[in-house]
Protein backbone atom coordinates (compact mmCIF):
# COMPACT_ATOMS: atom_id res chain seq x y z
CA MET A 1 8.23 -13.41 -16.57
CA GLU A 2 11.07 -15.02 -14.67
CA ARG A 3 9.97 -17.71 -12.24
CA LYS A 4 11.87 -18.95 -9.18
CA ARG A 5 11.73 -22.52 -7.91
CA VAL A 6 9.86 -23.19 -4.70
CA SER A 7 9.87 -26.17 -2.40
CA ALA A 8 6.33 -27.52 -2.66
CA SER A 9 4.92 -30.84 -3.80
CA ASN A 10 2.43 -29.40 -6.29
CA ILE A 11 4.13 -26.09 -7.25
CA ARG A 12 7.32 -26.02 -9.30
CA ALA A 13 8.01 -22.27 -9.61
CA VAL A 14 6.57 -18.81 -8.96
CA GLY A 15 6.95 -15.54 -10.84
CA TYR A 16 5.70 -12.07 -9.93
CA ASP A 17 5.32 -8.71 -11.65
CA ALA A 18 4.83 -6.06 -8.94
CA GLY A 19 3.90 -3.34 -11.43
CA LYS A 20 1.01 -5.40 -12.80
CA GLN A 21 0.34 -7.20 -9.49
CA LEU A 22 0.43 -10.44 -11.48
CA LEU A 23 1.41 -13.73 -9.85
CA GLU A 24 2.36 -16.63 -12.13
CA ILE A 25 2.49 -20.17 -10.78
CA GLU A 26 3.97 -23.14 -12.61
CA PHE A 27 2.55 -26.35 -11.21
CA SER A 28 4.26 -29.73 -11.11
CA SER A 29 1.79 -30.91 -13.77
CA GLY A 30 3.27 -28.35 -16.20
CA ALA A 31 0.23 -26.05 -16.07
CA ILE A 32 0.90 -22.33 -15.69
CA VAL A 33 -1.75 -20.08 -14.14
CA GLN A 34 -1.65 -16.30 -13.69
CA TYR A 35 -3.45 -14.60 -10.81
CA SER A 36 -4.23 -10.89 -11.05
CA GLY A 37 -4.55 -8.31 -8.28
CA VAL A 38 -2.01 -10.03 -6.01
CA SER A 39 -0.35 -7.44 -3.77
CA PRO A 40 3.40 -7.45 -3.14
CA GLU A 41 2.62 -8.33 0.50
CA VAL A 42 0.68 -11.47 -0.46
CA HIS A 43 3.48 -12.47 -2.85
CA ARG A 44 6.08 -11.96 -0.12
CA ARG A 45 4.10 -14.02 2.39
CA PHE A 46 3.57 -16.74 -0.24
CA THR A 47 7.23 -17.08 -1.20
CA ASN A 48 8.39 -16.94 2.44
CA SER A 49 5.81 -19.42 3.67
CA PRO A 50 7.14 -22.66 5.20
CA SER A 51 4.38 -24.42 3.20
CA PRO A 52 3.80 -22.63 -0.14
CA GLY A 53 1.30 -25.31 -1.23
CA SER A 54 -0.90 -24.74 1.80
CA PHE A 55 -0.58 -20.96 1.51
CA TYR A 56 -1.65 -21.22 -2.14
CA GLN A 57 -4.73 -23.29 -1.25
CA ASP A 58 -5.74 -21.05 1.67
CA GLN A 59 -4.88 -17.56 0.42
CA ILE A 60 -4.58 -17.49 -3.38
CA ASP A 61 -6.49 -20.22 -5.25
CA GLU A 62 -10.07 -19.02 -4.69
CA ASN A 63 -9.30 -15.40 -3.80
CA PHE A 64 -7.89 -13.91 -7.02
CA PRO A 65 -9.05 -13.91 -10.66
CA SER A 66 -7.03 -16.51 -12.59
CA LYS A 67 -6.16 -17.29 -16.20
CA ARG A 68 -4.54 -20.49 -17.36
CA VAL A 69 -1.74 -19.73 -19.83
CA ARG A 70 -0.48 -23.32 -20.31
């Protein structure tokens, strides 16, 4: 999955597969976590947020099933 850089202190890049509704986040630590069931609308709001780190904490972290892949 191709990831695009974002401007956030704790998030390096974000990837998204709309067909699978799978969001992939690469953190500054090097960890990569996939979140399933993320709608295109949530992904759009996340990537367009003025503060992606805060949006992640408030709307994604505890709200979607996750799997660490690295």
